[in-house]
């Protein structure tokens, strides 16, 4: 059995009837080490002594149900220690409980984005004005992308400049300073317009190395 559990990609632990750790597979051990817990030290310890934050969560409810010898319990839970979501299953055994979990944070984020984008497409069909549609797009898309701020800019007809038509998360003085800006400016929005391709900037350091920093309010 240990050989089978060790080969599982899911984080899997075996607990006895008192909910003490009996076995921790490599995937679970890696997760524990990432959270600052030595997996070798937990064997023989009660779950709540190692992870007190599990008290009062679905994790506890599932373990209690499985501990009572009832059917296996499946659930999803966000772990406060790392902020990630896990799909879990607690299964009763003759000697206690087997608990398995896998990280589903990316899947949940994709599902949330799909819901937001569906709402966006539905709502945009009801918008008559460009500015209203742009602001609505920001209001729906920013939460889906876990973004704190964003702008929508349109090209000014007959000019090599862009004009802000919607914004969220920026101070008023920043928006006033960048109400219009040249397409030739060294900014991500301008590069996207010039090249017709999306521009991704993954860190502040990458921004500084590649683009100019707007004089007020933060990056754009």
Protein backbone atom coordinates (compact mmCIF):
# COMPACT_ATOMS: atom_id res chain seq x y z
CA UNK A 1 0.00 0.00 0.00
CA UNK A 2 2.79 2.42 0.85
CA UNK A 3 4.32 1.91 -2.60
CA UNK A 4 1.00 2.81 -4.23
CA UNK A 5 0.49 5.89 -2.05
CA UNK A 6 4.05 7.06 -2.67
CA UNK A 7 3.44 7.04 -6.43
CA UNK A 8 0.30 9.19 -6.22
CA UNK A 9 0.68 12.77 -7.52
CA UNK A 10 -1.91 13.95 -4.97
CA UNK A 11 -0.76 14.98 -1.50
CA UNK A 12 -1.79 11.94 0.55
CA UNK A 13 -1.56 11.24 4.26
CA UNK A 14 -2.65 8.27 6.38
CA UNK A 15 -4.09 8.97 9.82
CA UNK A 16 -5.01 6.56 12.61
CA UNK A 17 -8.31 6.56 14.52
CA UNK A 18 -7.01 9.33 16.80
CA UNK A 19 -6.15 11.41 13.69
CA UNK A 20 -2.41 11.04 14.26
CA UNK A 21 -0.15 11.01 11.21
CA UNK A 22 0.97 7.52 10.30
CA UNK A 23 2.29 8.11 6.77
CA UNK A 24 3.03 11.13 4.54
CA UNK A 25 3.62 10.51 0.83
CA UNK A 26 6.25 12.52 -1.11
CA UNK A 27 3.71 14.94 -2.60
CA UNK A 28 2.28 15.73 0.84
CA UNK A 29 5.79 16.00 2.25
CA UNK A 30 6.72 18.57 -0.39
CA UNK A 31 3.61 20.61 0.44
CA UNK A 32 4.44 20.49 4.13
CA UNK A 33 8.02 21.60 3.59
CA UNK A 34 6.76 24.50 1.44
CA UNK A 35 4.65 25.62 4.40
CA UNK A 36 7.54 25.34 6.84
CA UNK A 37 6.67 21.95 8.35
CA UNK A 38 9.09 19.00 8.47
CA UNK A 39 7.12 15.94 7.24
CA UNK A 40 9.41 13.57 9.13
CA UNK A 41 8.48 15.29 12.38
CA UNK A 42 4.70 14.98 12.01
CA UNK A 43 4.47 11.17 12.21
CA UNK A 44 2.77 10.38 15.50
CA UNK A 45 1.44 13.92 15.94
CA UNK A 46 -2.26 14.80 15.91
CA UNK A 47 -3.37 16.82 12.88
CA UNK A 48 -4.55 19.82 14.95
CA UNK A 49 -1.22 20.06 16.78
CA UNK A 50 0.59 20.42 13.44
CA UNK A 51 -2.00 22.53 11.59
CA UNK A 52 -4.25 24.29 14.14
CA UNK A 53 -5.78 26.39 11.34
CA UNK A 54 -7.63 23.26 10.13
CA UNK A 55 -9.95 23.51 13.13
CA UNK A 56 -13.46 24.58 12.18
CA UNK A 57 -12.93 24.03 8.44
CA UNK A 58 -14.32 21.54 5.93
CA UNK A 59 -11.08 19.64 6.44
CA UNK A 60 -12.04 18.93 10.04
CA UNK A 61 -15.63 18.07 9.12
CA UNK A 62 -14.46 15.62 6.45
CA UNK A 63 -11.96 13.95 8.78
CA UNK A 64 -14.57 13.62 11.54
CA UNK A 65 -17.05 12.06 9.10
CA UNK A 66 -14.46 9.60 7.78
CA UNK A 67 -13.23 8.94 11.31
CA UNK A 68 -16.73 7.78 12.16
CA UNK A 69 -16.51 5.13 9.45
CA UNK A 70 -19.02 6.76 7.15
CA UNK A 71 -18.60 7.15 3.37
CA UNK A 72 -15.77 9.15 1.87
CA UNK A 73 -16.17 12.93 1.74
CA UNK A 74 -15.13 15.13 -1.18
CA UNK A 75 -14.81 18.90 -0.86
CA UNK A 76 -12.82 21.97 -1.92
CA UNK A 77 -11.12 24.21 0.61
CA UNK A 78 -8.86 27.25 0.56
CA UNK A 79 -5.84 26.78 2.82
CA UNK A 80 -5.25 29.98 4.77
CA UNK A 81 -1.53 29.26 5.11
CA UNK A 82 -0.73 29.48 1.37
CA UNK A 83 -3.94 31.03 0.00
CA UNK A 84 -4.43 28.25 -2.55
CA UNK A 85 -7.48 26.08 -3.27
CA UNK A 86 -7.42 22.29 -2.91
CA UNK A 87 -9.74 19.53 -4.06
CA UNK A 88 -9.76 16.98 -1.26
CA UNK A 89 -11.12 13.58 -0.34
CA UNK A 90 -11.21 11.88 3.05
CA UNK A 91 -11.69 8.09 2.92
CA UNK A 92 -12.37 5.87 5.96
CA UNK A 93 -10.20 2.78 6.36
CA UNK A 94 -10.05 -0.09 8.86
CA UNK A 95 -7.20 1.69 10.65
CA UNK A 96 -8.27 5.31 10.37
CA UNK A 97 -8.48 7.79 7.50
CA UNK A 98 -6.68 8.42 4.21
CA UNK A 99 -6.78 12.06 3.09
CA UNK A 100 -5.85 13.16 -0.45
CA UNK A 101 -5.64 16.66 -1.90
CA UNK A 102 -4.62 18.36 -5.13
CA UNK A 103 -4.06 22.02 -5.98
CA UNK A 104 -6.95 23.32 -8.11
CA UNK A 105 -6.22 27.04 -7.81
CA UNK A 106 -5.57 27.44 -11.55
CA UNK A 107 -8.74 25.55 -12.46
CA UNK A 108 -10.88 27.68 -10.15
CA UNK A 109 -9.31 30.85 -11.55
CA UNK A 110 -10.10 29.73 -15.10
CA UNK A 111 -13.69 28.96 -14.13
CA UNK A 112 -14.03 32.37 -12.50
CA UNK A 113 -12.62 34.09 -15.60
CA UNK A 114 -15.10 32.23 -17.79
CA UNK A 115 -18.00 33.38 -15.59
CA UNK A 116 -16.80 37.00 -15.69
CA UNK A 117 -16.28 36.92 -19.44
CA UNK A 118 -19.75 35.48 -20.02
CA UNK A 119 -21.21 38.25 -17.87
CA UNK A 120 -19.14 40.78 -19.82
CA UNK A 121 -20.32 39.59 -23.23
CA UNK A 122 -23.94 39.63 -22.05
CA UNK A 123 -23.68 43.10 -20.51
CA UNK A 124 -21.80 44.65 -23.43
CA UNK A 125 -24.68 43.79 -25.71
CA UNK A 126 -26.83 46.17 -23.67
CA UNK A 127 -24.41 49.14 -23.81
CA UNK A 128 -25.13 51.96 -26.24
CA UNK A 129 -22.13 54.25 -25.59
CA UNK A 130 -18.44 53.38 -26.06
CA UNK A 131 -17.45 54.85 -22.70
CA UNK A 132 -20.14 52.86 -20.90
CA UNK A 133 -19.02 49.64 -22.58
CA UNK A 134 -15.35 50.31 -21.77
CA UNK A 135 -16.06 51.02 -18.10
CA UNK A 136 -18.23 47.93 -17.84
CA UNK A 137 -15.47 45.85 -19.40
CA UNK A 138 -13.02 47.08 -16.78
CA UNK A 139 -15.41 46.50 -13.91
CA UNK A 140 -15.95 42.87 -14.97
CA UNK A 141 -12.50 41.94 -16.29
CA UNK A 142 -10.29 43.35 -13.51
CA UNK A 143 -11.69 41.03 -10.80
CA UNK A 144 -11.39 38.06 -13.15
CA UNK A 145 -7.70 38.84 -13.63
CA UNK A 146 -7.04 39.67 -9.94
CA UNK A 147 -6.00 43.13 -11.13
CA UNK A 148 -6.21 46.25 -8.95
CA UNK A 149 -6.27 48.83 -11.74
CA UNK A 150 -6.70 49.21 -15.47
CA UNK A 151 -7.51 51.61 -18.29
CA UNK A 152 -9.14 51.49 -21.71
CA UNK A 153 -7.76 53.85 -24.34
CA UNK A 154 -8.90 54.46 -27.91
CA UNK A 155 -6.90 55.85 -30.80
CA UNK A 156 -7.78 59.46 -31.64
CA UNK A 157 -8.92 59.53 -35.25
CA UNK A 158 -6.42 61.26 -37.53
CA UNK A 159 -3.80 61.57 -34.78
CA UNK A 160 -0.96 59.48 -33.39
CA UNK A 161 -2.34 59.56 -29.87
CA UNK A 162 -4.56 57.61 -27.52
CA UNK A 163 -7.40 58.91 -25.34
CA UNK A 164 -8.54 57.34 -22.09
CA UNK A 165 -12.21 56.41 -22.19
CA UNK A 166 -12.42 54.35 -18.99
CA UNK A 167 -10.27 53.74 -15.93
CA UNK A 168 -10.38 52.03 -12.57
CA UNK A 169 -7.99 52.06 -9.61
CA UNK A 170 -5.98 55.17 -10.57
CA UNK A 171 -5.95 58.57 -8.80
CA UNK A 172 -7.58 61.56 -10.46
CA UNK A 173 -4.31 63.46 -11.00
CA UNK A 174 -2.83 60.49 -12.88
CA UNK A 175 -5.88 60.24 -15.13
CA UNK A 176 -5.74 63.95 -15.82
CA UNK A 177 -2.04 63.77 -16.73
CA UNK A 178 -2.65 60.85 -19.10
CA UNK A 179 -6.02 61.85 -20.53
CA UNK A 180 -4.25 61.65 -23.90
CA UNK A 181 -0.78 60.35 -24.72
CA UNK A 182 1.29 59.75 -27.82
CA UNK A 183 1.22 56.37 -29.53
CA UNK A 184 5.01 56.64 -29.83
CA UNK A 185 5.40 56.76 -26.02
CA UNK A 186 7.35 53.90 -24.48
CA UNK A 187 4.38 52.40 -22.64
CA UNK A 188 2.79 48.92 -22.88
CA UNK A 189 -0.54 50.25 -24.17
CA UNK A 190 1.24 52.15 -26.92
CA UNK A 191 3.36 49.16 -27.90
CA UNK A 192 0.23 47.00 -28.10
CA UNK A 193 -1.36 49.52 -30.48
CA UNK A 194 1.79 49.85 -32.61
CA UNK A 195 2.38 46.11 -32.94
CA UNK A 196 -1.16 44.76 -32.77
CA UNK A 197 0.03 42.21 -30.19
CA UNK A 198 -0.69 41.78 -26.46
CA UNK A 199 2.02 43.03 -24.12
CA UNK A 200 2.72 41.23 -20.83
CA UNK A 201 4.79 42.76 -18.03
CA UNK A 202 5.17 40.33 -15.16
CA UNK A 203 6.97 42.43 -12.53
CA UNK A 204 7.93 45.95 -11.55
CA UNK A 205 11.53 45.14 -12.38
CA UNK A 206 10.57 44.03 -15.88
CA UNK A 207 8.62 47.26 -16.33
CA UNK A 208 11.56 49.47 -15.33
CA UNK A 209 13.90 47.55 -17.62
CA UNK A 210 11.62 47.80 -20.65
CA UNK A 211 9.36 50.86 -20.34
CA UNK A 212 9.28 54.39 -19.05
CA UNK A 213 7.56 54.94 -15.71
CA UNK A 214 4.63 57.37 -15.85
CA UNK A 215 5.37 60.45 -13.79
CA UNK A 216 2.30 60.08 -11.57
CA UNK A 217 0.08 57.40 -10.15
CA UNK A 218 1.86 54.22 -11.19
CA UNK A 219 2.28 52.01 -14.27
CA UNK A 220 -0.17 51.86 -17.15
